[in-house]
Amino acid sequence: MTTGAATAVLDRNGLNALVAELNADGRRVVGPTVRDGAIVLAELESADQLPYGWGVELEAGHYRLRRRGDGAAFAHSAGPQSWKNFLHPQREKLWSADRAPDGTVAISTETADRPSYAFLGVRPCDLRAIAIQDRVLTGGHFKDTGYEERRRGAFLIAAECTEPGATCFCVSMGGGPGADAGFDLALTEVVDRMRRAMPPVSLRQLMGSSLEAERWDDIASRCLTCGNCMMVCPTCFCTTTEEVTDLTGDHAERRQRWDSCFDLDFSYVHGGPVRSSGRSRYRQWLTHKLGTWHDQFDSSGCVGCGRCIVWCPVGIDITEEVAALKDEADKKETGR
């Protein structure tokens, strides 16, 4: 364990003591645990709930738990959730309105208690994702105050990724495997090697020059436009609002929820959606993530966690698609 220049060695009892201390301090400790056939993020009462001895098998469109031959607690790759689920929840009530019998309407903003979190086992790619969301949701003129409050109270305990999964490509995206900033404590466990990577080119330039590439048609023939990649991505941030009322019509609420650029309604304007084809919607997602995100937020929107590969039901691999776009661009340039 490291904190600043200080280091210490923690065994299983030490981790239990750490979790107990954080709980006693009034924090909700969230970390990885085994549930429903996956390693998920959930509130922990004890470090005994960590996935000791469990690992995962990852490939495009494939996720399975597997028993390890050791008792490692953090030797697994990213699961179906990210810390976005807690800092930027899928649904959040913004305000409510109530009509009294005399017809007057009282409007109240949502002031529910926002928990003080301690996140245990944050991967370096997810530290990078949180930093990106900080820039997107609190770094501009229009701030998400709910996110800002939850983020301000969060205590981050990183787990350095010393055994990357088969779908990880964080090194090529500058998202890992070592944690260098954005954490309060860092933990280290064991080592292996990474098999996936993005092509060593300017992805921003490649995306900008590949808008008419034939590869988009090939991707569109496989993509279901289900939005799974957006749901599991730790940096996707788009939201919309919806108003709901009760059956009496005397109570109404406005809620914020996640939205997806894979939905037809996302780009709907008078006359229909701007991006009506699966080709255009996948292209929008990928070119924004790797290209125009730089124009908006001065960084890539991808941290190389590999979740979009694992949880794609048809196994679309973002690293393979970018490599194919590069190959097509190279052939076009050389005239072959």
C-alpha atoms as a PDB file:
ATOM      1  CA  MET A   1       0.000   0.000   0.000  1.00  0.00           C
ATOM      2  CA  THR A   2       1.271   3.493  -0.830  1.00  0.00           C
ATOM      3  CA  THR A   3       0.096   6.941   0.208  1.00  0.00           C
ATOM      4  CA  GLY A   4       2.300   9.814  -0.850  1.00  0.00           C
ATOM      5  CA  ALA A   5       5.852   8.746  -0.024  1.00  0.00           C
ATOM      6  CA  ALA A   6       4.780   6.306   2.705  1.00  0.00           C
ATOM      7  CA  THR A   7       4.456   2.548   2.155  1.00  0.00           C
ATOM      8  CA  ALA A   8       3.043  -0.280   4.234  1.00  0.00           C
ATOM      9  CA  VAL A   9       2.263  -3.988   3.899  1.00  0.00           C
ATOM     10  CA  LEU A  10      -1.335  -5.112   4.412  1.00  0.00           C
ATOM     11  CA  ASP A  11      -2.474  -8.703   4.777  1.00  0.00           C
ATOM     12  CA  ARG A  12      -6.099  -9.839   4.780  1.00  0.00           C
ATOM     13  CA  ASN A  13      -6.531  -8.713   8.371  1.00  0.00           C
ATOM     14  CA  GLY A  14      -5.122  -5.320   7.401  1.00  0.00           C
ATOM     15  CA  LEU A  15      -7.671  -4.942   4.627  1.00  0.00           C
ATOM     16  CA  ASN A  16     -10.422  -5.858   7.090  1.00  0.00           C
ATOM     17  CA  ALA A  17      -9.147  -3.197   9.476  1.00  0.00           C
ATOM     18  CA  LEU A  18      -9.074  -0.633   6.657  1.00  0.00           C
ATOM     19  CA  VAL A  19     -12.670  -1.344   5.633  1.00  0.00           C
ATOM     20  CA  ALA A  20     -13.810  -1.297   9.268  1.00  0.00           C
ATOM     21  CA  GLU A  21     -12.123   2.070   9.833  1.00  0.00           C
ATOM     22  CA  LEU A  22     -13.714   3.579   6.744  1.00  0.00           C
ATOM     23  CA  ASN A  23     -17.149   2.303   7.759  1.00  0.00           C
ATOM     24  CA  ALA A  24     -16.644   3.669  11.276  1.00  0.00           C
ATOM     25  CA  ASP A  25     -15.804   7.030   9.709  1.00  0.00           C
ATOM     26  CA  GLY A  26     -19.289   7.114   8.203  1.00  0.00           C
ATOM     27  CA  ARG A  27     -18.297   6.172   4.664  1.00  0.00           C
ATOM     28  CA  ARG A  28     -20.040   3.711   2.407  1.00  0.00           C
ATOM     29  CA  VAL A  29     -17.297   1.354   1.280  1.00  0.00           C
ATOM     30  CA  VAL A  30     -17.838   0.113  -2.277  1.00  0.00           C
ATOM     31  CA  GLY A  31     -15.652  -2.536  -3.830  1.00  0.00           C
ATOM     32  CA  PRO A  32     -15.612  -5.699  -5.957  1.00  0.00           C
ATOM     33  CA  THR A  33     -17.472  -8.798  -4.816  1.00  0.00           C
ATOM     34  CA  VAL A  34     -18.841 -11.972  -6.424  1.00  0.00           C
ATOM     35  CA  ARG A  35     -22.547 -11.872  -7.179  1.00  0.00           C
ATOM     36  CA  ASP A  36     -24.817 -13.411  -9.835  1.00  0.00           C
ATOM     37  CA  GLY A  37     -21.980 -14.973 -11.811  1.00  0.00           C
ATOM     38  CA  ALA A  38     -19.856 -11.833 -12.073  1.00  0.00           C
ATOM     39  CA  ILE A  39     -17.516  -9.636 -10.080  1.00  0.00           C
ATOM     40  CA  VAL A  40     -19.624  -6.558  -9.420  1.00  0.00           C
ATOM     41  CA  LEU A  41     -19.240  -3.354  -7.451  1.00  0.00           C
ATOM     42  CA  ALA A  42     -21.318  -3.254  -4.283  1.00  0.00           C
ATOM     43  CA  GLU A  43     -21.273  -1.916  -0.739  1.00  0.00           C
ATOM     44  CA  LEU A  44     -18.962  -3.900   1.544  1.00  0.00           C
ATOM     45  CA  GLU A  45     -19.342  -4.418   5.259  1.00  0.00           C
ATOM     46  CA  SER A  46     -16.063  -6.324   5.448  1.00  0.00           C
ATOM     47  CA  ALA A  47     -13.021  -7.024   3.292  1.00  0.00           C
ATOM     48  CA  ASP A  48     -14.005 -10.699   3.563  1.00  0.00           C
ATOM     49  CA  GLN A  49     -16.542  -9.914   0.816  1.00  0.00           C
ATOM     50  CA  LEU A  50     -13.756  -9.186  -1.691  1.00  0.00           C
ATOM     51  CA  PRO A  51     -13.400 -11.788  -4.501  1.00  0.00           C
ATOM     52  CA  TYR A  52     -10.457 -13.671  -2.976  1.00  0.00           C
ATOM     53  CA  GLY A  53      -9.338 -16.461  -5.299  1.00  0.00           C
ATOM     54  CA  TRP A  54     -11.584 -15.423  -8.186  1.00  0.00           C
ATOM     55  CA  GLY A  55     -10.527 -14.312 -11.639  1.00  0.00           C
ATOM     56  CA  VAL A  56     -12.316 -13.804 -14.938  1.00  0.00           C
ATOM     57  CA  GLU A  57     -12.079 -15.062 -18.520  1.00  0.00           C
ATOM     58  CA  LEU A  58     -12.565 -12.230 -20.986  1.00  0.00           C
ATOM     59  CA  GLU A  59     -12.921 -12.129 -24.742  1.00  0.00           C
ATOM     60  CA  ALA A  60     -15.061 -10.185 -27.157  1.00  0.00           C
ATOM     61  CA  GLY A  61     -18.650 -10.837 -26.123  1.00  0.00           C
ATOM     62  CA  HIS A  62     -17.528 -13.294 -23.434  1.00  0.00           C
ATOM     63  CA  TYR A  63     -17.270 -13.029 -19.618  1.00  0.00           C
ATOM     64  CA  ARG A  64     -16.909 -15.935 -17.194  1.00  0.00           C
ATOM     65  CA  LEU A  65     -15.772 -16.313 -13.599  1.00  0.00           C
ATOM     66  CA  ARG A  66     -12.959 -18.759 -12.952  1.00  0.00           C
ATOM     67  CA  ARG A  67     -11.277 -20.049  -9.845  1.00  0.00           C
ATOM     68  CA  ARG A  68      -7.633 -19.030  -9.410  1.00  0.00           C
ATOM     69  CA  GLY A  69      -4.899 -21.075  -7.812  1.00  0.00           C
ATOM     70  CA  ASP A  70      -4.169 -18.319  -5.290  1.00  0.00           C
ATOM     71  CA  GLY A  71      -6.074 -16.063  -2.915  1.00  0.00           C
ATOM     72  CA  ALA A  72      -5.608 -12.769  -4.761  1.00  0.00           C
ATOM     73  CA  ALA A  73      -8.348 -10.222  -4.096  1.00  0.00           C
ATOM     74  CA  PHE A  74      -7.802  -7.842  -7.025  1.00  0.00           C
ATOM     75  CA  ALA A  75      -6.491 -10.145  -9.791  1.00  0.00           C
ATOM     76  CA  HIS A  76      -9.551  -9.661 -11.978  1.00  0.00           C
ATOM     77  CA  SER A  77     -10.340  -7.259 -14.781  1.00  0.00           C
ATOM     78  CA  ALA A  78     -13.106  -4.683 -15.112  1.00  0.00           C
ATOM     79  CA  GLY A  79     -16.606  -6.051 -14.640  1.00  0.00           C
ATOM     80  CA  PRO A  80     -19.965  -4.917 -16.009  1.00  0.00           C
ATOM     81  CA  GLN A  81     -20.059  -1.792 -13.843  1.00  0.00           C
ATOM     82  CA  SER A  82     -17.804   1.174 -13.306  1.00  0.00           C
ATOM     83  CA  TRP A  83     -17.642   3.766 -10.547  1.00  0.00           C
ATOM     84  CA  LYS A  84     -19.801   5.954 -12.795  1.00  0.00           C
ATOM     85  CA  ASN A  85     -22.784   4.004 -11.447  1.00  0.00           C
ATOM     86  CA  PHE A  86     -22.195   5.624  -8.055  1.00  0.00           C
ATOM     87  CA  LEU A  87     -20.834   9.060  -8.976  1.00  0.00           C
ATOM     88  CA  HIS A  88     -23.095   9.651 -11.990  1.00  0.00           C
ATOM     89  CA  PRO A  89     -26.076   7.339 -11.343  1.00  0.00           C
ATOM     90  CA  GLN A  90     -28.283   6.156 -14.166  1.00  0.00           C
ATOM     91  CA  ARG A  91     -31.328   7.944 -12.734  1.00  0.00           C
ATOM     92  CA  GLU A  92     -31.546  10.881 -10.352  1.00  0.00           C
ATOM     93  CA  LYS A  93     -34.504  13.001  -9.264  1.00  0.00           C
ATOM     94  CA  LEU A  94     -33.861  16.694  -9.866  1.00  0.00           C
ATOM     95  CA  TRP A  95     -37.040  18.268  -8.479  1.00  0.00           C
ATOM     96  CA  SER A  96     -40.653  17.542  -7.642  1.00  0.00           C
ATOM     97  CA  ALA A  97     -43.855  19.547  -7.665  1.00  0.00           C
ATOM     98  CA  ASP A  98     -47.016  19.113  -5.591  1.00  0.00           C
ATOM     99  CA  ARG A  99     -50.401  20.725  -6.129  1.00  0.00           C
ATOM    100  CA  ALA A 100     -52.442  21.557  -3.041  1.00  0.00           C
ATOM    101  CA  PRO A 101     -56.273  21.328  -2.895  1.00  0.00           C
ATOM    102  CA  ASP A 102     -56.495  25.112  -3.422  1.00  0.00           C
ATOM    103  CA  GLY A 103     -54.591  24.763  -6.688  1.00  0.00           C
ATOM    104  CA  THR A 104     -51.291  26.250  -5.560  1.00  0.00           C
ATOM    105  CA  VAL A 105     -48.145  24.431  -6.653  1.00  0.00           C
ATOM    106  CA  ALA A 106     -45.067  23.958  -4.476  1.00  0.00           C
ATOM    107  CA  ILE A 107     -41.795  23.048  -6.181  1.00  0.00           C
ATOM    108  CA  SER A 108     -38.901  21.546  -4.248  1.00  0.00           C
ATOM    109  CA  THR A 109     -35.455  20.599  -5.475  1.00  0.00           C
ATOM    110  CA  GLU A 110     -33.993  17.231  -4.555  1.00  0.00           C
ATOM    111  CA  THR A 111     -31.982  17.527  -1.344  1.00  0.00           C
ATOM    112  CA  ALA A 112     -31.588  13.868  -0.410  1.00  0.00           C
ATOM    113  CA  ASP A 113     -28.474  12.976   1.552  1.00  0.00           C
ATOM    114  CA  ARG A 114     -25.617  12.122  -0.767  1.00  0.00           C
ATOM    115  CA  PRO A 115     -23.336   9.430   0.678  1.00  0.00           C
ATOM    116  CA  SER A 116     -19.659   9.816   1.438  1.00  0.00           C
ATOM    117  CA  TYR A 117     -18.111   6.972  -0.534  1.00  0.00           C
ATOM    118  CA  ALA A 118     -14.866   5.069  -0.137  1.00  0.00           C
ATOM    119  CA  PHE A 119     -14.088   3.229  -3.382  1.00  0.00           C
ATOM    120  CA  LEU A 120     -11.879   0.177  -2.782  1.00  0.00           C
ATOM    121  CA  GLY A 121     -10.018  -1.373  -5.722  1.00  0.00           C
ATOM    122  CA  VAL A 122     -10.241   1.373  -8.357  1.00  0.00           C
ATOM    123  CA  ARG A 123      -8.280   0.349 -11.457  1.00  0.00           C
ATOM    124  CA  PRO A 124      -5.916   2.889 -13.064  1.00  0.00           C
ATOM    125  CA  CYS A 125      -8.112   2.960 -16.180  1.00  0.00           C
ATOM    126  CA  ASP A 126     -11.052   3.864 -13.950  1.00  0.00           C
ATOM    127  CA  LEU A 127      -9.015   6.550 -12.176  1.00  0.00           C
ATOM    128  CA  ARG A 128      -8.450   8.031 -15.620  1.00  0.00           C
ATOM    129  CA  ALA A 129     -12.163   7.685 -16.386  1.00  0.00           C
ATOM    130  CA  ILE A 130     -13.099   9.515 -13.171  1.00  0.00           C
ATOM    131  CA  ALA A 131     -10.669  12.310 -14.057  1.00  0.00           C
ATOM    132  CA  ILE A 132     -12.316  12.569 -17.486  1.00  0.00           C
ATOM    133  CA  GLN A 133     -15.787  12.737 -15.943  1.00  0.00           C
ATOM    134  CA  ASP A 134     -14.526  15.406 -13.528  1.00  0.00           C
ATOM    135  CA  ARG A 135     -13.530  17.498 -16.538  1.00  0.00           C
ATOM    136  CA  VAL A 136     -16.802  16.859 -18.387  1.00  0.00           C
ATOM    137  CA  LEU A 137     -19.268  17.256 -15.517  1.00  0.00           C
ATOM    138  CA  THR A 138     -17.578  19.829 -13.273  1.00  0.00           C
ATOM    139  CA  GLY A 139     -14.916  21.539 -15.372  1.00  0.00           C
ATOM    140  CA  GLY A 140     -17.157  23.691 -17.540  1.00  0.00           C
ATOM    141  CA  HIS A 141     -19.678  26.499 -17.089  1.00  0.00           C
ATOM    142  CA  PHE A 142     -22.633  24.130 -16.568  1.00  0.00           C
ATOM    143  CA  LYS A 143     -21.813  21.837 -13.661  1.00  0.00           C
ATOM    144  CA  ASP A 144     -23.611  18.710 -12.543  1.00  0.00           C
ATOM    145  CA  THR A 145     -23.948  19.633  -8.863  1.00  0.00           C
ATOM    146  CA  GLY A 146     -25.037  16.145  -7.816  1.00  0.00           C
ATOM    147  CA  TYR A 147     -21.927  14.609  -9.359  1.00  0.00           C
ATOM    148  CA  GLU A 148     -19.770  17.357  -7.887  1.00  0.00           C
ATOM    149  CA  GLU A 149     -21.016  16.689  -4.346  1.00  0.00           C
ATOM    150  CA  ARG A 150     -20.637  12.916  -4.619  1.00  0.00           C
ATOM    151  CA  ARG A 151     -17.175  13.274  -6.139  1.00  0.00           C
ATOM    152  CA  ARG A 152     -16.001  15.751  -3.512  1.00  0.00           C
ATOM    153  CA  GLY A 153     -16.788  13.306  -0.727  1.00  0.00           C
ATOM    154  CA  ALA A 154     -15.257  10.221  -2.383  1.00  0.00           C
ATOM    155  CA  PHE A 155     -12.119   8.539  -1.002  1.00  0.00           C
ATOM    156  CA  LEU A 156     -10.333   6.570  -3.745  1.00  0.00           C
ATOM    157  CA  ILE A 157      -8.258   3.461  -3.022  1.00  0.00           C
ATOM    158  CA  ALA A 158      -6.558   2.307  -6.217  1.00  0.00           C
ATOM    159  CA  ALA A 159      -5.598  -1.275  -7.025  1.00  0.00           C
ATOM    160  CA  GLU A 160      -2.766  -1.212  -9.536  1.00  0.00           C
ATOM    161  CA  CYS A 161      -3.475  -3.478 -12.474  1.00  0.00           C
ATOM    162  CA  THR A 162      -0.629  -5.986 -12.427  1.00  0.00           C
ATOM    163  CA  GLU A 163      -2.560  -8.774 -14.203  1.00  0.00           C
ATOM    164  CA  PRO A 164      -4.470  -7.265 -17.136  1.00  0.00           C
ATOM    165  CA  GLY A 165      -7.353  -9.074 -18.782  1.00  0.00           C
ATOM    166  CA  ALA A 166      -7.446 -10.359 -22.347  1.00  0.00           C
ATOM    167  CA  THR A 167      -9.530  -7.393 -23.530  1.00  0.00           C
ATOM    168  CA  CYS A 168      -7.536  -4.661 -21.764  1.00  0.00           C
ATOM    169  CA  PHE A 169      -5.647  -2.111 -23.868  1.00  0.00           C
ATOM    170  CA  CYS A 170      -5.076   0.661 -21.318  1.00  0.00           C
ATOM    171  CA  VAL A 171      -1.334   1.004 -22.054  1.00  0.00           C
ATOM    172  CA  SER A 172      -2.022   2.177 -25.598  1.00  0.00           C
ATOM    173  CA  MET A 173      -4.593   4.686 -24.305  1.00  0.00           C
ATOM    174  CA  GLY A 174      -2.502   6.046 -21.430  1.00  0.00           C
ATOM    175  CA  GLY A 175      -4.943   4.661 -18.868  1.00  0.00           C
ATOM    176  CA  GLY A 176      -2.677   2.227 -16.986  1.00  0.00           C
ATOM    177  CA  PRO A 177      -1.541  -0.224 -15.829  1.00  0.00           C
ATOM    178  CA  GLY A 178       0.084   1.786 -13.035  1.00  0.00           C
ATOM    179  CA  ALA A 179      -1.761   4.362 -10.933  1.00  0.00           C
ATOM    180  CA  ASP A 180       0.111   7.670 -10.946  1.00  0.00           C
ATOM    181  CA  ALA A 181      -2.479  10.242  -9.846  1.00  0.00           C
ATOM    182  CA  GLY A 182      -6.064  10.753  -8.721  1.00  0.00           C
ATOM    183  CA  PHE A 183      -6.096   8.404  -5.709  1.00  0.00           C
ATOM    184  CA  ASP A 184      -5.804   8.672  -1.942  1.00  0.00           C
ATOM    185  CA  LEU A 185      -4.264   5.231  -1.361  1.00  0.00           C
ATOM    186  CA  ALA A 186      -2.807   2.689  -3.821  1.00  0.00           C
ATOM    187  CA  LEU A 187      -2.613  -1.092  -3.435  1.00  0.00           C
ATOM    188  CA  THR A 188      -0.427  -3.501  -5.456  1.00  0.00           C
ATOM    189  CA  GLU A 189      -0.786  -7.318  -5.850  1.00  0.00           C
ATOM    190  CA  VAL A 190       0.775  -9.384  -8.936  1.00  0.00           C
ATOM    191  CA  VAL A 191       2.076  -9.260 -12.701  1.00  0.00           C
ATOM    192  CA  ASP A 192       1.185 -10.510 -16.229  1.00  0.00           C
ATOM    193  CA  ARG A 193       1.251  -9.034 -19.770  1.00  0.00           C
ATOM    194  CA  MET A 194      -1.231  -7.211 -21.945  1.00  0.00           C
ATOM    195  CA  ARG A 195      -2.238  -8.611 -25.365  1.00  0.00           C
ATOM    196  CA  ARG A 196      -4.383  -5.843 -26.870  1.00  0.00           C
ATOM    197  CA  ALA A 197      -3.393  -2.366 -27.982  1.00  0.00           C
ATOM    198  CA  MET A 198      -4.556   0.461 -30.191  1.00  0.00           C
ATOM    199  CA  PRO A 199      -2.474   1.155 -33.328  1.00  0.00           C
ATOM    200  CA  PRO A 200       0.451   3.508 -32.512  1.00  0.00           C
ATOM    201  CA  VAL A 201      -0.944   6.428 -34.539  1.00  0.00           C
ATOM    202  CA  SER A 202      -2.835   9.613 -33.794  1.00  0.00           C
ATOM    203  CA  LEU A 203      -6.318   8.217 -33.216  1.00  0.00           C
ATOM    204  CA  ARG A 204      -7.719  11.737 -33.380  1.00  0.00           C
ATOM    205  CA  GLN A 205      -6.397  12.211 -36.913  1.00  0.00           C
ATOM    206  CA  LEU A 206      -7.360   8.680 -37.962  1.00  0.00           C
ATOM    207  CA  MET A 207     -10.964   9.185 -36.879  1.00  0.00           C
ATOM    208  CA  GLY A 208     -11.164  12.520 -38.665  1.00  0.00           C
ATOM    209  CA  SER A 209      -9.852  11.073 -41.932  1.00  0.00           C
ATOM    210  CA  SER A 210     -11.953   7.885 -41.845  1.00  0.00           C
ATOM    211  CA  LEU A 211     -15.506   9.244 -41.858  1.00  0.00           C
ATOM    212  CA  GLU A 212     -16.268   7.677 -45.255  1.00  0.00           C
ATOM    213  CA  ALA A 213     -14.363   4.433 -44.675  1.00  0.00           C
ATOM    214  CA  GLU A 214     -15.957   1.211 -45.907  1.00  0.00           C
ATOM    215  CA  ARG A 215     -15.218  -0.423 -42.556  1.00  0.00           C
ATOM    216  CA  TRP A 216     -18.209   1.399 -41.005  1.00  0.00           C
ATOM    217  CA  ASP A 217     -20.516  -0.674 -43.217  1.00  0.00           C
ATOM    218  CA  ASP A 218     -18.858  -3.870 -42.026  1.00  0.00           C
ATOM    219  CA  ILE A 219     -19.289  -2.821 -38.392  1.00  0.00           C
ATOM    220  CA  ALA A 220     -22.906  -1.816 -39.010  1.00  0.00           C
ATOM    221  CA  SER A 221     -23.668  -5.283 -40.401  1.00  0.00           C
ATOM    222  CA  ARG A 222     -22.758  -6.719 -36.974  1.00  0.00           C
ATOM    223  CA  CYS A 223     -23.702  -3.965 -34.531  1.00  0.00           C
ATOM    224  CA  LEU A 224     -27.109  -4.349 -32.831  1.00  0.00           C
ATOM    225  CA  THR A 225     -27.132  -0.665 -31.722  1.00  0.00           C
ATOM    226  CA  CYS A 226     -28.109  -1.987 -28.279  1.00  0.00           C
ATOM    227  CA  GLY A 227     -25.989   0.577 -26.445  1.00  0.00           C
ATOM    228  CA  ASN A 228     -24.243  -1.952 -24.184  1.00  0.00           C
ATOM    229  CA  CYS A 229     -20.889  -0.342 -24.966  1.00  0.00           C
ATOM    230  CA  MET A 230     -22.198   3.019 -23.794  1.00  0.00           C
ATOM    231  CA  MET A 231     -23.797   1.563 -20.659  1.00  0.00           C
ATOM    232  CA  VAL A 232     -20.582  -0.099 -19.446  1.00  0.00           C
ATOM    233  CA  CYS A 233     -18.199   2.651 -20.602  1.00  0.00           C
ATOM    234  CA  PRO A 234     -16.835   4.503 -17.565  1.00  0.00           C
ATOM    235  CA  THR A 235     -16.624   7.849 -19.412  1.00  0.00           C
ATOM    236  CA  CYS A 236     -19.863   8.072 -21.417  1.00  0.00           C
ATOM    237  CA  PHE A 237     -21.845  10.835 -19.744  1.00  0.00           C
ATOM    238  CA  CYS A 238     -24.838  11.828 -21.902  1.00  0.00           C
ATOM    239  CA  THR A 239     -28.124  12.319 -20.069  1.00  0.00           C
ATOM    240  CA  THR A 240     -31.662  13.459 -20.742  1.00  0.00           C
ATOM    241  CA  THR A 241     -34.508  14.502 -18.465  1.00  0.00           C
ATOM    242  CA  GLU A 242     -38.022  13.175 -18.115  1.00  0.00           C
ATOM    243  CA  GLU A 243     -41.082  14.351 -16.217  1.00  0.00           C
ATOM    244  CA  VAL A 244     -43.427  11.917 -14.476  1.00  0.00           C
ATOM    245  CA  THR A 245     -46.690  12.465 -12.591  1.00  0.00           C
ATOM    246  CA  ASP A 246     -48.814  10.349 -10.299  1.00  0.00           C
ATOM    247  CA  LEU A 247     -52.329   9.235 -11.234  1.00  0.00           C
ATOM    248  CA  THR A 248     -53.936  12.210  -9.475  1.00  0.00           C
ATOM    249  CA  GLY A 249     -51.930  14.757 -11.411  1.00  0.00           C
ATOM    250  CA  ASP A 250     -51.091  16.525  -8.141  1.00  0.00           C
ATOM    251  CA  HIS A 251     -47.467  15.387  -7.910  1.00  0.00           C
ATOM    252  CA  ALA A 252     -44.793  15.661 -10.582  1.00  0.00           C
ATOM    253  CA  GLU A 253     -41.069  15.020 -10.700  1.00  0.00           C
ATOM    254  CA  ARG A 254     -38.230  15.737 -13.084  1.00  0.00           C
ATOM    255  CA  ARG A 255     -35.604  13.019 -13.284  1.00  0.00           C
ATOM    256  CA  GLN A 256     -32.261  12.854 -15.002  1.00  0.00           C
ATOM    257  CA  ARG A 257     -31.267   9.551 -16.616  1.00  0.00           C
ATOM    258  CA  TRP A 258     -28.551   8.241 -18.869  1.00  0.00           C
ATOM    259  CA  ASP A 259     -29.074   8.645 -22.597  1.00  0.00           C
ATOM    260  CA  SER A 260     -27.332   6.909 -25.493  1.00  0.00           C
ATOM    261  CA  CYS A 261     -26.158   8.100 -28.895  1.00  0.00           C
ATOM    262  CA  PHE A 262     -27.211   4.650 -30.144  1.00  0.00           C
ATOM    263  CA  ASP A 263     -30.882   5.555 -29.631  1.00  0.00           C
ATOM    264  CA  LEU A 264     -32.742   6.989 -32.607  1.00  0.00           C
ATOM    265  CA  ASP A 265     -34.320   9.652 -30.412  1.00  0.00           C
ATOM    266  CA  PHE A 266     -30.913  10.905 -29.310  1.00  0.00           C
ATOM    267  CA  SER A 267     -30.437  12.921 -32.525  1.00  0.00           C
ATOM    268  CA  TYR A 268     -34.128  13.495 -33.271  1.00  0.00           C
ATOM    269  CA  VAL A 269     -35.060  16.923 -34.612  1.00  0.00           C
ATOM    270  CA  HIS A 270     -38.117  18.100 -36.519  1.00  0.00           C
ATOM    271  CA  GLY A 271     -38.499  15.685 -39.414  1.00  0.00           C
ATOM    272  CA  GLY A 272     -36.622  12.739 -37.927  1.00  0.00           C
ATOM    273  CA  PRO A 273     -33.296  11.630 -36.440  1.00  0.00           C
ATOM    274  CA  VAL A 274     -30.047  13.083 -37.778  1.00  0.00           C
ATOM    275  CA  ARG A 275     -28.352   9.674 -37.478  1.00  0.00           C
ATOM    276  CA  SER A 276     -30.923   7.171 -38.686  1.00  0.00           C
ATOM    277  CA  SER A 277     -28.588   4.277 -39.576  1.00  0.00           C
ATOM    278  CA  GLY A 278     -26.627   1.963 -37.330  1.00  0.00           C
ATOM    279  CA  ARG A 279     -23.546   2.900 -39.351  1.00  0.00           C
ATOM    280  CA  SER A 280     -23.889   6.581 -38.487  1.00  0.00           C
ATOM    281  CA  ARG A 281     -24.619   5.940 -34.825  1.00  0.00           C
ATOM    282  CA  TYR A 282     -21.660   3.616 -34.236  1.00  0.00           C
ATOM    283  CA  ARG A 283     -19.418   5.998 -36.174  1.00  0.00           C
ATOM    284  CA  GLN A 284     -20.614   8.897 -34.002  1.00  0.00           C
ATOM    285  CA  TRP A 285     -19.833   6.979 -30.828  1.00  0.00           C
ATOM    286  CA  LEU A 286     -16.344   5.847 -31.877  1.00  0.00           C
ATOM    287  CA  THR A 287     -15.194   9.050 -33.587  1.00  0.00           C
ATOM    288  CA  HIS A 288     -16.338  11.088 -30.592  1.00  0.00           C
ATOM    289  CA  LYS A 289     -14.704   8.735 -28.100  1.00  0.00           C
ATOM    290  CA  LEU A 290     -11.328   8.680 -29.866  1.00  0.00           C
ATOM    291  CA  GLY A 291     -11.399  11.851 -31.943  1.00  0.00           C
ATOM    292  CA  THR A 292     -13.594  14.859 -31.242  1.00  0.00           C
ATOM    293  CA  TRP A 293     -13.449  14.266 -27.480  1.00  0.00           C
ATOM    294  CA  HIS A 294     -10.028  15.954 -27.762  1.00  0.00           C
ATOM    295  CA  ASP A 295     -11.704  19.056 -29.204  1.00  0.00           C
ATOM    296  CA  GLN A 296     -14.151  19.226 -26.300  1.00  0.00           C
ATOM    297  CA  PHE A 297     -12.121  18.060 -23.321  1.00  0.00           C
ATOM    298  CA  ASP A 298      -8.433  17.991 -24.356  1.00  0.00           C
ATOM    299  CA  SER A 299      -8.103  14.223 -23.958  1.00  0.00           C
ATOM    300  CA  SER A 300      -9.300  10.937 -25.372  1.00  0.00           C
ATOM    301  CA  GLY A 301     -12.594   9.604 -24.080  1.00  0.00           C
ATOM    302  CA  CYS A 302     -11.239   6.022 -23.968  1.00  0.00           C
ATOM    303  CA  VAL A 303      -9.147   4.664 -21.103  1.00  0.00           C
ATOM    304  CA  GLY A 304      -8.563   1.147 -22.477  1.00  0.00           C
ATOM    305  CA  CYS A 305     -10.566  -0.760 -19.856  1.00  0.00           C
ATOM    306  CA  GLY A 306     -11.985  -3.165 -22.485  1.00  0.00           C
ATOM    307  CA  ARG A 307     -15.542  -3.245 -21.080  1.00  0.00           C
ATOM    308  CA  CYS A 308     -17.082  -2.380 -24.445  1.00  0.00           C
ATOM    309  CA  ILE A 309     -15.403  -5.463 -25.941  1.00  0.00           C
ATOM    310  CA  VAL A 310     -16.468  -7.897 -23.227  1.00  0.00           C
ATOM    311  CA  TRP A 311     -20.086  -6.768 -22.965  1.00  0.00           C
ATOM    312  CA  CYS A 312     -20.798  -6.409 -26.688  1.00  0.00           C
ATOM    313  CA  PRO A 313     -23.262  -9.255 -27.434  1.00  0.00           C
ATOM    314  CA  VAL A 314     -21.763  -9.782 -30.897  1.00  0.00           C
ATOM    315  CA  GLY A 315     -18.122  -9.372 -29.806  1.00  0.00           C
ATOM    316  CA  ILE A 316     -17.194  -6.155 -31.615  1.00  0.00           C
ATOM    317  CA  ASP A 317     -13.616  -5.338 -30.591  1.00  0.00           C
ATOM    318  CA  ILE A 318     -12.808  -1.630 -30.649  1.00  0.00           C
ATOM    319  CA  THR A 319      -9.078  -2.318 -31.068  1.00  0.00           C
ATOM    320  CA  GLU A 320      -9.695  -4.542 -34.117  1.00  0.00           C
ATOM    321  CA  GLU A 321     -12.028  -1.977 -35.693  1.00  0.00           C
ATOM    322  CA  VAL A 322      -9.538   0.865 -35.245  1.00  0.00           C
ATOM    323  CA  ALA A 323      -6.754  -1.319 -36.664  1.00  0.00           C
ATOM    324  CA  ALA A 324      -8.979  -2.094 -39.673  1.00  0.00           C
ATOM    325  CA  LEU A 325      -9.675   1.622 -40.175  1.00  0.00           C
ATOM    326  CA  LYS A 326      -5.915   2.269 -40.099  1.00  0.00           C
ATOM    327  CA  ASP A 327      -5.246  -0.513 -42.632  1.00  0.00           C
ATOM    328  CA  GLU A 328      -7.898   0.912 -44.944  1.00  0.00           C
ATOM    329  CA  ALA A 329      -6.428   4.406 -44.596  1.00  0.00           C
ATOM    330  CA  ASP A 330      -2.906   3.073 -45.307  1.00  0.00           C
ATOM    331  CA  LYS A 331      -4.070   1.253 -48.452  1.00  0.00           C
ATOM    332  CA  LYS A 332      -5.856   4.355 -49.660  1.00  0.00           C
ATOM    333  CA  GLU A 333      -2.747   6.441 -49.135  1.00  0.00           C
ATOM    334  CA  THR A 334      -0.426   4.028 -50.942  1.00  0.00           C
ATOM    335  CA  GLY A 335      -2.950   3.318 -53.697  1.00  0.00           C
ATOM    336  CA  ARG A 336      -2.943  -0.449 -53.079  1.00  0.00           C
END
